[in-house]
Amino acid sequence: MADGKDKAEAAELLRRKRAGNWYADGVKFRCLAPECSDCCSGKRGEGYVWVNADEMEAIAGYLGLEFDKFTRTFIRQIEWSFSLIEKPNHDCIFLKDGGCSIYEVRPTQCRTYPFWPDIMRAPETWKREGEQCPGIGADAHVDGAEVERQLETDIEGRRRNSVE
C-alpha cells in the first residue's frame, strides 16, 4: 500500500503529465565529468557563462581574490549581464586539466545544465542536445520533479544575473 508521500508524488507526476511536461516521467542523464567536459569546452564555439554578484563573490572568495581583482581579471559585461571570460579557444576560463577548478562554487548555469528551458522545451530539443552531450541518454534516471527543480533554479539564476 502506498504511503502519503508516494501518493503525493504520484499526484504530482499526474499533474505534470496533464500540464504537458514531456519529461514528467523523468529523463536519462548522468554527468560524465570529469572524463567529459564538453559543456565547458570551446567545442561549440563562443558562449557565455552568466554569473550574478553572489556567484562572483563566492568564486572570488574560493580563489582567495578580492572582489574587484576577480571581476577585473575574470568577468566581462555583456549588455545588462556579466559573464566569465573565456580562453582564446573558447574553453571556460576555469576549465583546468579536463575539470572545473571552481566546481564547489560553480555558477547556477553550470549546476543546472542540461536542464535549461530551451533544452527542456520539447523531446526534440532534448534529443538534439544529446548530440552534443554524451550524458544525455546515459544510464541514470532523473525524475521529473528533479528536472522541474533544476529548471526553476536555472530560471531564478537567469533572473538574478541581470544588472538591476
N, C-alpha and C. Protein backbone atom coordinates (compact mmCIF):
# COMPACT_ATOMS: atom_id res chain seq x y z
N MET A 1 0.84 -1.19 0.00
CA MET A 1 0.00 0.00 0.00
C MET A 1 0.88 1.24 0.00
N ALA A 2 0.54 2.21 -0.80
CA ALA A 2 1.34 3.43 -0.91
C ALA A 2 1.11 4.33 0.30
N ASP A 3 2.20 4.93 0.78
CA ASP A 3 2.05 5.87 1.89
C ASP A 3 1.71 7.26 1.34
N GLY A 4 1.54 8.24 2.23
CA GLY A 4 1.16 9.59 1.83
C GLY A 4 2.15 10.23 0.89
N LYS A 5 3.45 9.99 1.14
CA LYS A 5 4.47 10.57 0.27
C LYS A 5 4.37 10.00 -1.14
N ASP A 6 4.19 8.67 -1.24
CA ASP A 6 4.05 8.05 -2.55
C ASP A 6 2.83 8.58 -3.30
N LYS A 7 1.72 8.76 -2.56
CA LYS A 7 0.51 9.29 -3.19
C LYS A 7 0.73 10.72 -3.66
N ALA A 8 1.40 11.51 -2.85
CA ALA A 8 1.68 12.90 -3.22
C ALA A 8 2.58 12.95 -4.46
N GLU A 9 3.59 12.09 -4.49
CA GLU A 9 4.48 12.05 -5.65
C GLU A 9 3.73 11.61 -6.90
N ALA A 10 2.85 10.61 -6.75
CA ALA A 10 2.05 10.15 -7.88
C ALA A 10 1.12 11.25 -8.38
N ALA A 11 0.51 11.98 -7.45
CA ALA A 11 -0.37 13.09 -7.82
C ALA A 11 0.41 14.18 -8.55
N GLU A 12 1.61 14.47 -8.06
CA GLU A 12 2.44 15.49 -8.70
C GLU A 12 2.84 15.04 -10.10
N LEU A 13 3.19 13.77 -10.26
CA LEU A 13 3.54 13.24 -11.58
C LEU A 13 2.36 13.37 -12.54
N LEU A 14 1.17 13.03 -12.06
CA LEU A 14 -0.03 13.15 -12.89
C LEU A 14 -0.28 14.61 -13.26
N ARG A 15 -0.09 15.53 -12.31
CA ARG A 15 -0.27 16.96 -12.59
C ARG A 15 0.69 17.41 -13.69
N ARG A 16 1.95 16.97 -13.59
CA ARG A 16 2.94 17.36 -14.58
C ARG A 16 2.59 16.80 -15.96
N LYS A 17 2.12 15.57 -16.00
CA LYS A 17 1.73 14.98 -17.28
C LYS A 17 0.58 15.77 -17.90
N ARG A 18 -0.38 16.11 -17.07
CA ARG A 18 -1.53 16.87 -17.56
C ARG A 18 -1.12 18.26 -18.02
N ALA A 19 -0.09 18.81 -17.38
CA ALA A 19 0.40 20.14 -17.75
C ALA A 19 1.19 20.09 -19.06
N GLY A 20 1.44 18.90 -19.56
CA GLY A 20 2.13 18.76 -20.83
C GLY A 20 3.64 18.69 -20.73
N ASN A 21 4.16 18.50 -19.53
CA ASN A 21 5.61 18.37 -19.38
C ASN A 21 6.02 17.00 -19.89
N TRP A 22 6.64 16.97 -21.04
CA TRP A 22 7.02 15.71 -21.66
C TRP A 22 7.99 14.93 -20.79
N TYR A 23 8.69 15.60 -19.88
CA TYR A 23 9.69 14.96 -19.01
C TYR A 23 9.11 14.54 -17.66
N ALA A 24 7.79 14.54 -17.52
CA ALA A 24 7.16 14.22 -16.24
C ALA A 24 7.59 12.86 -15.70
N ASP A 25 7.84 11.90 -16.58
CA ASP A 25 8.29 10.57 -16.15
C ASP A 25 9.80 10.53 -15.90
N GLY A 26 10.46 11.64 -16.14
CA GLY A 26 11.91 11.70 -15.95
C GLY A 26 12.64 11.53 -17.27
N VAL A 27 13.95 11.68 -17.19
CA VAL A 27 14.81 11.56 -18.36
C VAL A 27 16.06 10.77 -17.98
N LYS A 28 16.73 10.28 -18.99
CA LYS A 28 18.01 9.60 -18.78
C LYS A 28 19.13 10.62 -18.91
N PHE A 29 19.87 10.80 -17.82
CA PHE A 29 21.01 11.72 -17.85
C PHE A 29 21.94 11.40 -16.69
N ARG A 30 23.22 11.43 -17.00
CA ARG A 30 24.26 11.35 -15.97
C ARG A 30 25.43 12.18 -16.47
N CYS A 31 25.85 13.14 -15.64
CA CYS A 31 27.02 13.93 -15.99
C CYS A 31 28.23 13.00 -16.00
N LEU A 32 28.99 13.04 -17.06
CA LEU A 32 30.13 12.13 -17.22
C LEU A 32 31.45 12.77 -16.81
N ALA A 33 31.37 13.92 -16.14
CA ALA A 33 32.59 14.57 -15.63
C ALA A 33 33.23 13.67 -14.58
N PRO A 34 34.52 13.65 -14.43
CA PRO A 34 35.48 14.52 -15.10
C PRO A 34 35.97 14.00 -16.45
N GLU A 35 35.54 12.81 -16.86
CA GLU A 35 36.01 12.30 -18.16
C GLU A 35 35.52 13.19 -19.30
N CYS A 36 34.35 13.77 -19.16
CA CYS A 36 33.78 14.63 -20.19
C CYS A 36 33.69 16.05 -19.64
N SER A 37 34.12 16.98 -20.43
CA SER A 37 33.96 18.40 -20.08
C SER A 37 33.49 19.18 -21.31
N ASP A 38 32.73 18.50 -22.16
CA ASP A 38 32.29 19.11 -23.41
C ASP A 38 31.51 20.39 -23.19
N CYS A 39 30.67 20.44 -22.15
CA CYS A 39 29.85 21.64 -21.93
C CYS A 39 30.70 22.81 -21.45
N CYS A 40 31.91 22.55 -20.99
CA CYS A 40 32.81 23.61 -20.51
C CYS A 40 33.85 23.99 -21.56
N SER A 41 33.95 23.18 -22.58
CA SER A 41 34.99 23.40 -23.58
C SER A 41 34.48 24.30 -24.70
N GLY A 42 35.37 24.74 -25.52
CA GLY A 42 35.01 25.59 -26.65
C GLY A 42 34.62 24.82 -27.89
N LYS A 43 34.32 23.55 -27.75
CA LYS A 43 33.98 22.73 -28.92
C LYS A 43 32.79 23.28 -29.70
N ARG A 44 31.90 23.98 -29.00
CA ARG A 44 30.71 24.54 -29.66
C ARG A 44 30.93 25.98 -30.11
N GLY A 45 32.10 26.51 -29.86
CA GLY A 45 32.37 27.90 -30.20
C GLY A 45 32.16 28.81 -29.00
N GLU A 46 32.08 30.08 -29.28
CA GLU A 46 31.94 31.06 -28.22
C GLU A 46 30.62 30.88 -27.48
N GLY A 47 30.67 31.12 -26.19
CA GLY A 47 29.47 31.03 -25.37
C GLY A 47 29.61 31.94 -24.17
N TYR A 48 28.62 31.91 -23.33
CA TYR A 48 28.63 32.74 -22.14
C TYR A 48 28.33 31.89 -20.92
N VAL A 49 29.05 32.14 -19.84
CA VAL A 49 28.72 31.57 -18.54
C VAL A 49 28.30 32.75 -17.68
N TRP A 50 26.99 32.90 -17.54
CA TRP A 50 26.43 34.04 -16.83
C TRP A 50 26.61 33.88 -15.33
N VAL A 51 26.93 34.98 -14.67
CA VAL A 51 27.13 34.98 -13.21
C VAL A 51 26.46 36.21 -12.62
N ASN A 52 26.01 36.06 -11.37
CA ASN A 52 25.46 37.21 -10.65
C ASN A 52 26.43 37.62 -9.56
N ALA A 53 26.11 38.68 -8.85
CA ALA A 53 27.03 39.22 -7.84
C ALA A 53 27.36 38.20 -6.75
N ASP A 54 26.36 37.45 -6.29
CA ASP A 54 26.62 36.44 -5.25
C ASP A 54 27.57 35.37 -5.75
N GLU A 55 27.38 34.94 -6.99
CA GLU A 55 28.26 33.92 -7.56
C GLU A 55 29.67 34.47 -7.75
N MET A 56 29.78 35.71 -8.18
CA MET A 56 31.10 36.32 -8.34
C MET A 56 31.81 36.41 -6.99
N GLU A 57 31.08 36.80 -5.94
CA GLU A 57 31.67 36.87 -4.60
C GLU A 57 32.13 35.49 -4.14
N ALA A 58 31.30 34.47 -4.38
CA ALA A 58 31.65 33.11 -3.95
C ALA A 58 32.90 32.62 -4.68
N ILE A 59 32.98 32.85 -5.97
CA ILE A 59 34.15 32.40 -6.75
C ILE A 59 35.38 33.17 -6.31
N ALA A 60 35.25 34.48 -6.14
CA ALA A 60 36.39 35.30 -5.69
C ALA A 60 36.90 34.78 -4.35
N GLY A 61 36.00 34.53 -3.42
CA GLY A 61 36.40 34.01 -2.11
C GLY A 61 37.08 32.66 -2.22
N TYR A 62 36.53 31.79 -3.06
CA TYR A 62 37.09 30.46 -3.27
C TYR A 62 38.51 30.55 -3.81
N LEU A 63 38.73 31.53 -4.68
CA LEU A 63 40.06 31.71 -5.27
C LEU A 63 40.99 32.56 -4.40
N GLY A 64 40.45 33.10 -3.31
CA GLY A 64 41.26 33.94 -2.43
C GLY A 64 41.58 35.29 -3.02
N LEU A 65 40.67 35.81 -3.84
CA LEU A 65 40.88 37.10 -4.50
C LEU A 65 39.91 38.15 -3.96
N GLU A 66 40.36 39.39 -3.95
CA GLU A 66 39.45 40.49 -3.66
C GLU A 66 38.44 40.56 -4.80
N PHE A 67 37.22 40.97 -4.48
CA PHE A 67 36.15 41.02 -5.47
C PHE A 67 36.55 41.86 -6.69
N ASP A 68 37.09 43.05 -6.46
CA ASP A 68 37.47 43.92 -7.59
C ASP A 68 38.52 43.28 -8.48
N LYS A 69 39.51 42.65 -7.88
CA LYS A 69 40.56 41.97 -8.67
C LYS A 69 39.95 40.83 -9.47
N PHE A 70 39.08 40.06 -8.82
CA PHE A 70 38.41 38.96 -9.51
C PHE A 70 37.63 39.47 -10.72
N THR A 71 36.82 40.50 -10.52
CA THR A 71 36.00 40.98 -11.64
C THR A 71 36.83 41.57 -12.76
N ARG A 72 37.91 42.26 -12.43
CA ARG A 72 38.78 42.81 -13.47
C ARG A 72 39.47 41.70 -14.26
N THR A 73 39.76 40.59 -13.61
CA THR A 73 40.51 39.50 -14.22
C THR A 73 39.63 38.50 -14.97
N PHE A 74 38.46 38.19 -14.43
CA PHE A 74 37.68 37.06 -14.93
C PHE A 74 36.28 37.38 -15.47
N ILE A 75 35.85 38.63 -15.42
CA ILE A 75 34.46 38.96 -15.77
C ILE A 75 34.41 39.94 -16.94
N ARG A 76 33.41 39.76 -17.78
CA ARG A 76 33.12 40.73 -18.84
C ARG A 76 31.63 41.07 -18.76
N GLN A 77 31.31 42.31 -19.07
CA GLN A 77 29.91 42.71 -19.08
C GLN A 77 29.39 42.61 -20.50
N ILE A 78 28.24 41.95 -20.63
CA ILE A 78 27.56 41.79 -21.91
C ILE A 78 26.19 42.44 -21.73
N GLU A 79 26.02 43.60 -22.31
CA GLU A 79 24.80 44.38 -22.15
C GLU A 79 24.49 44.55 -20.67
N TRP A 80 23.42 43.92 -20.18
CA TRP A 80 22.99 44.12 -18.79
C TRP A 80 23.36 42.96 -17.88
N SER A 81 24.26 42.11 -18.31
CA SER A 81 24.62 40.93 -17.53
C SER A 81 26.13 40.76 -17.49
N PHE A 82 26.59 39.84 -16.65
CA PHE A 82 28.01 39.54 -16.51
C PHE A 82 28.27 38.08 -16.87
N SER A 83 29.42 37.86 -17.50
CA SER A 83 29.82 36.52 -17.91
C SER A 83 31.28 36.29 -17.55
N LEU A 84 31.62 35.03 -17.28
CA LEU A 84 33.02 34.69 -17.13
C LEU A 84 33.71 34.88 -18.48
N ILE A 85 34.97 35.27 -18.46
CA ILE A 85 35.71 35.34 -19.71
C ILE A 85 36.04 33.93 -20.18
N GLU A 86 36.50 33.82 -21.40
CA GLU A 86 36.88 32.53 -21.96
C GLU A 86 38.35 32.54 -22.33
N LYS A 87 38.88 31.36 -22.49
CA LYS A 87 40.22 31.22 -23.06
C LYS A 87 40.13 31.50 -24.56
N PRO A 88 41.25 31.75 -25.23
CA PRO A 88 41.21 32.02 -26.68
C PRO A 88 40.53 30.92 -27.50
N ASN A 89 40.58 29.67 -27.03
CA ASN A 89 39.93 28.57 -27.75
C ASN A 89 38.47 28.40 -27.35
N HIS A 90 37.95 29.34 -26.57
CA HIS A 90 36.56 29.38 -26.09
C HIS A 90 36.27 28.44 -24.93
N ASP A 91 37.28 27.75 -24.40
CA ASP A 91 37.07 26.97 -23.18
C ASP A 91 36.75 27.91 -22.04
N CYS A 92 36.00 27.43 -21.07
CA CYS A 92 35.76 28.21 -19.85
C CYS A 92 37.11 28.52 -19.21
N ILE A 93 37.24 29.70 -18.68
CA ILE A 93 38.50 30.12 -18.06
C ILE A 93 38.87 29.23 -16.87
N PHE A 94 37.89 28.56 -16.27
CA PHE A 94 38.15 27.72 -15.11
C PHE A 94 38.23 26.23 -15.45
N LEU A 95 38.24 25.89 -16.73
CA LEU A 95 38.45 24.51 -17.14
C LEU A 95 39.94 24.22 -17.09
N LYS A 96 40.34 23.36 -16.17
CA LYS A 96 41.76 23.03 -15.97
C LYS A 96 41.91 21.51 -15.94
N ASP A 97 42.84 21.00 -16.70
CA ASP A 97 43.13 19.56 -16.71
C ASP A 97 41.86 18.73 -16.88
N GLY A 98 40.96 19.19 -17.74
CA GLY A 98 39.75 18.44 -18.04
C GLY A 98 38.66 18.55 -17.00
N GLY A 99 38.84 19.38 -15.99
CA GLY A 99 37.82 19.52 -14.95
C GLY A 99 37.63 20.96 -14.53
N CYS A 100 36.62 21.19 -13.75
CA CYS A 100 36.29 22.53 -13.28
C CYS A 100 37.09 22.85 -12.02
N SER A 101 37.88 23.90 -12.10
CA SER A 101 38.72 24.27 -10.95
C SER A 101 37.94 25.02 -9.88
N ILE A 102 36.69 25.37 -10.16
CA ILE A 102 35.84 26.03 -9.15
C ILE A 102 34.55 25.23 -8.93
N TYR A 103 34.62 23.93 -9.10
CA TYR A 103 33.44 23.07 -9.09
C TYR A 103 32.54 23.33 -7.87
N GLU A 104 33.13 23.48 -6.71
CA GLU A 104 32.34 23.64 -5.48
C GLU A 104 31.51 24.92 -5.49
N VAL A 105 31.92 25.93 -6.25
CA VAL A 105 31.21 27.21 -6.29
C VAL A 105 30.82 27.59 -7.72
N ARG A 106 30.70 26.60 -8.59
CA ARG A 106 30.38 26.89 -9.99
C ARG A 106 29.03 27.61 -10.10
N PRO A 107 28.88 28.42 -11.13
CA PRO A 107 27.65 29.19 -11.30
C PRO A 107 26.41 28.31 -11.50
N THR A 108 25.27 28.89 -11.24
CA THR A 108 23.99 28.19 -11.41
C THR A 108 23.86 27.60 -12.80
N GLN A 109 24.25 28.35 -13.80
CA GLN A 109 24.15 27.88 -15.19
C GLN A 109 24.87 26.55 -15.35
N CYS A 110 26.00 26.40 -14.72
CA CYS A 110 26.78 25.17 -14.81
C CYS A 110 26.12 24.05 -14.00
N ARG A 111 25.60 24.39 -12.83
CA ARG A 111 24.98 23.38 -11.97
C ARG A 111 23.69 22.82 -12.56
N THR A 112 22.98 23.62 -13.34
CA THR A 112 21.68 23.18 -13.85
C THR A 112 21.73 22.56 -15.25
N TYR A 113 22.86 22.65 -15.94
CA TYR A 113 22.95 22.07 -17.28
C TYR A 113 22.77 20.55 -17.19
N PRO A 114 22.02 19.93 -18.07
CA PRO A 114 21.35 20.41 -19.28
C PRO A 114 19.88 20.78 -19.07
N PHE A 115 19.49 21.01 -17.83
CA PHE A 115 18.07 21.28 -17.54
C PHE A 115 17.75 22.76 -17.67
N TRP A 116 17.94 23.27 -18.86
CA TRP A 116 17.65 24.66 -19.19
C TRP A 116 16.34 24.70 -19.98
N PRO A 117 15.58 25.78 -19.84
CA PRO A 117 14.28 25.84 -20.54
C PRO A 117 14.36 25.59 -22.04
N ASP A 118 15.35 26.15 -22.71
CA ASP A 118 15.41 25.96 -24.16
C ASP A 118 15.74 24.52 -24.55
N ILE A 119 16.40 23.79 -23.68
CA ILE A 119 16.71 22.38 -23.94
C ILE A 119 15.53 21.49 -23.57
N MET A 120 14.82 21.84 -22.49
CA MET A 120 13.72 21.01 -21.99
C MET A 120 12.38 21.35 -22.65
N ARG A 121 12.38 22.26 -23.59
CA ARG A 121 11.15 22.70 -24.23
C ARG A 121 10.37 21.54 -24.87
N ALA A 122 11.09 20.61 -25.47
CA ALA A 122 10.43 19.51 -26.19
C ALA A 122 11.37 18.32 -26.27
N PRO A 123 10.83 17.12 -26.48
CA PRO A 123 11.70 15.95 -26.63
C PRO A 123 12.73 16.14 -27.75
N GLU A 124 12.35 16.86 -28.79
CA GLU A 124 13.26 17.07 -29.92
C GLU A 124 14.47 17.92 -29.52
N THR A 125 14.24 18.95 -28.70
CA THR A 125 15.36 19.80 -28.29
C THR A 125 16.27 19.05 -27.32
N TRP A 126 15.69 18.18 -26.49
CA TRP A 126 16.47 17.33 -25.59
C TRP A 126 17.33 16.37 -26.41
N LYS A 127 16.71 15.75 -27.40
CA LYS A 127 17.44 14.81 -28.26
C LYS A 127 18.56 15.52 -29.02
N ARG A 128 18.27 16.71 -29.52
CA ARG A 128 19.29 17.48 -30.26
C ARG A 128 20.47 17.81 -29.34
N GLU A 129 20.18 18.18 -28.09
CA GLU A 129 21.26 18.47 -27.15
C GLU A 129 22.08 17.21 -26.87
N GLY A 130 21.41 16.06 -26.92
CA GLY A 130 22.10 14.79 -26.72
C GLY A 130 23.15 14.50 -27.78
N GLU A 131 23.05 15.15 -28.92
CA GLU A 131 24.08 15.01 -29.95
C GLU A 131 25.37 15.70 -29.53
N GLN A 132 25.26 16.67 -28.61
CA GLN A 132 26.42 17.41 -28.11
C GLN A 132 26.87 16.91 -26.74
N CYS A 133 25.94 16.38 -25.97
CA CYS A 133 26.22 15.97 -24.59
C CYS A 133 26.09 14.46 -24.45
N PRO A 134 27.19 13.74 -24.25
CA PRO A 134 27.12 12.28 -24.15
C PRO A 134 26.43 11.79 -22.89
N GLY A 135 26.20 12.66 -21.91
CA GLY A 135 25.49 12.26 -20.69
C GLY A 135 24.00 12.13 -20.88
N ILE A 136 23.46 12.78 -21.91
CA ILE A 136 22.03 12.68 -22.20
C ILE A 136 21.77 11.32 -22.82
N GLY A 137 20.88 10.58 -22.19
CA GLY A 137 20.59 9.22 -22.63
C GLY A 137 21.41 8.18 -21.89
N ALA A 138 22.26 8.63 -20.96
CA ALA A 138 23.10 7.70 -20.19
C ALA A 138 22.23 6.87 -19.25
N ASP A 139 22.87 6.04 -18.48
CA ASP A 139 22.19 5.02 -17.69
C ASP A 139 21.46 5.50 -16.44
N ALA A 140 21.58 6.73 -16.04
CA ALA A 140 20.93 7.20 -14.82
C ALA A 140 19.59 7.85 -15.13
N HIS A 141 18.65 7.70 -14.21
CA HIS A 141 17.32 8.28 -14.37
C HIS A 141 17.19 9.50 -13.47
N VAL A 142 16.78 10.62 -14.05
CA VAL A 142 16.49 11.84 -13.29
C VAL A 142 14.98 12.01 -13.33
N ASP A 143 14.33 11.98 -12.16
CA ASP A 143 12.87 12.03 -12.16
C ASP A 143 12.36 13.42 -12.54
N GLY A 144 11.11 13.46 -12.96
CA GLY A 144 10.50 14.69 -13.45
C GLY A 144 10.51 15.81 -12.43
N ALA A 145 10.32 15.47 -11.16
CA ALA A 145 10.33 16.50 -10.11
C ALA A 145 11.70 17.15 -10.01
N GLU A 146 12.76 16.36 -10.14
CA GLU A 146 14.12 16.91 -10.09
C GLU A 146 14.39 17.77 -11.32
N VAL A 147 13.92 17.34 -12.48
CA VAL A 147 14.06 18.16 -13.69
C VAL A 147 13.39 19.51 -13.46
N GLU A 148 12.19 19.48 -12.90
CA GLU A 148 11.45 20.71 -12.63
C GLU A 148 12.20 21.61 -11.64
N ARG A 149 12.78 21.02 -10.60
CA ARG A 149 13.57 21.80 -9.63
C ARG A 149 14.77 22.46 -10.31
N GLN A 150 15.44 21.70 -11.16
CA GLN A 150 16.59 22.26 -11.86
C GLN A 150 16.18 23.40 -12.80
N LEU A 151 15.06 23.22 -13.48
CA LEU A 151 14.54 24.29 -14.35
C LEU A 151 14.23 25.54 -13.54
N GLU A 152 13.56 25.37 -12.41
CA GLU A 152 13.22 26.52 -11.57
C GLU A 152 14.47 27.22 -11.06
N THR A 153 15.48 26.43 -10.66
CA THR A 153 16.74 27.01 -10.21
C THR A 153 17.41 27.79 -11.33
N ASP A 154 17.41 27.22 -12.53
CA ASP A 154 18.03 27.90 -13.67
C ASP A 154 17.30 29.20 -13.99
N ILE A 155 15.98 29.16 -14.01
CA ILE A 155 15.20 30.36 -14.32
C ILE A 155 15.46 31.44 -13.28
N GLU A 156 15.48 31.07 -12.01
CA GLU A 156 15.76 32.05 -10.95
C GLU A 156 17.18 32.59 -11.11
N GLY A 157 18.13 31.74 -11.44
CA GLY A 157 19.50 32.18 -11.66
C GLY A 157 19.61 33.17 -12.80
N ARG A 158 18.89 32.91 -13.88
CA ARG A 158 18.90 33.83 -15.02
C ARG A 158 18.31 35.19 -14.62
N ARG A 159 17.26 35.15 -13.82
CA ARG A 159 16.64 36.40 -13.37
C ARG A 159 17.63 37.22 -12.54
N ARG A 160 18.40 36.55 -11.70
CA ARG A 160 19.34 37.23 -10.82
C ARG A 160 20.60 37.70 -11.56
N ASN A 161 20.83 37.20 -12.75
CA ASN A 161 22.04 37.56 -13.49
C ASN A 161 21.96 38.93 -14.15
N SER A 162 20.79 39.48 -14.29
CA SER A 162 20.66 40.79 -14.93
C SER A 162 21.06 41.90 -13.98
N VAL A 163 21.74 42.89 -14.51
CA VAL A 163 22.13 44.06 -13.72
C VAL A 163 20.87 44.86 -13.44
N GLU A 164 20.68 45.18 -12.18
CA GLU A 164 19.47 45.95 -11.83
C GLU A 164 19.80 47.38 -11.63
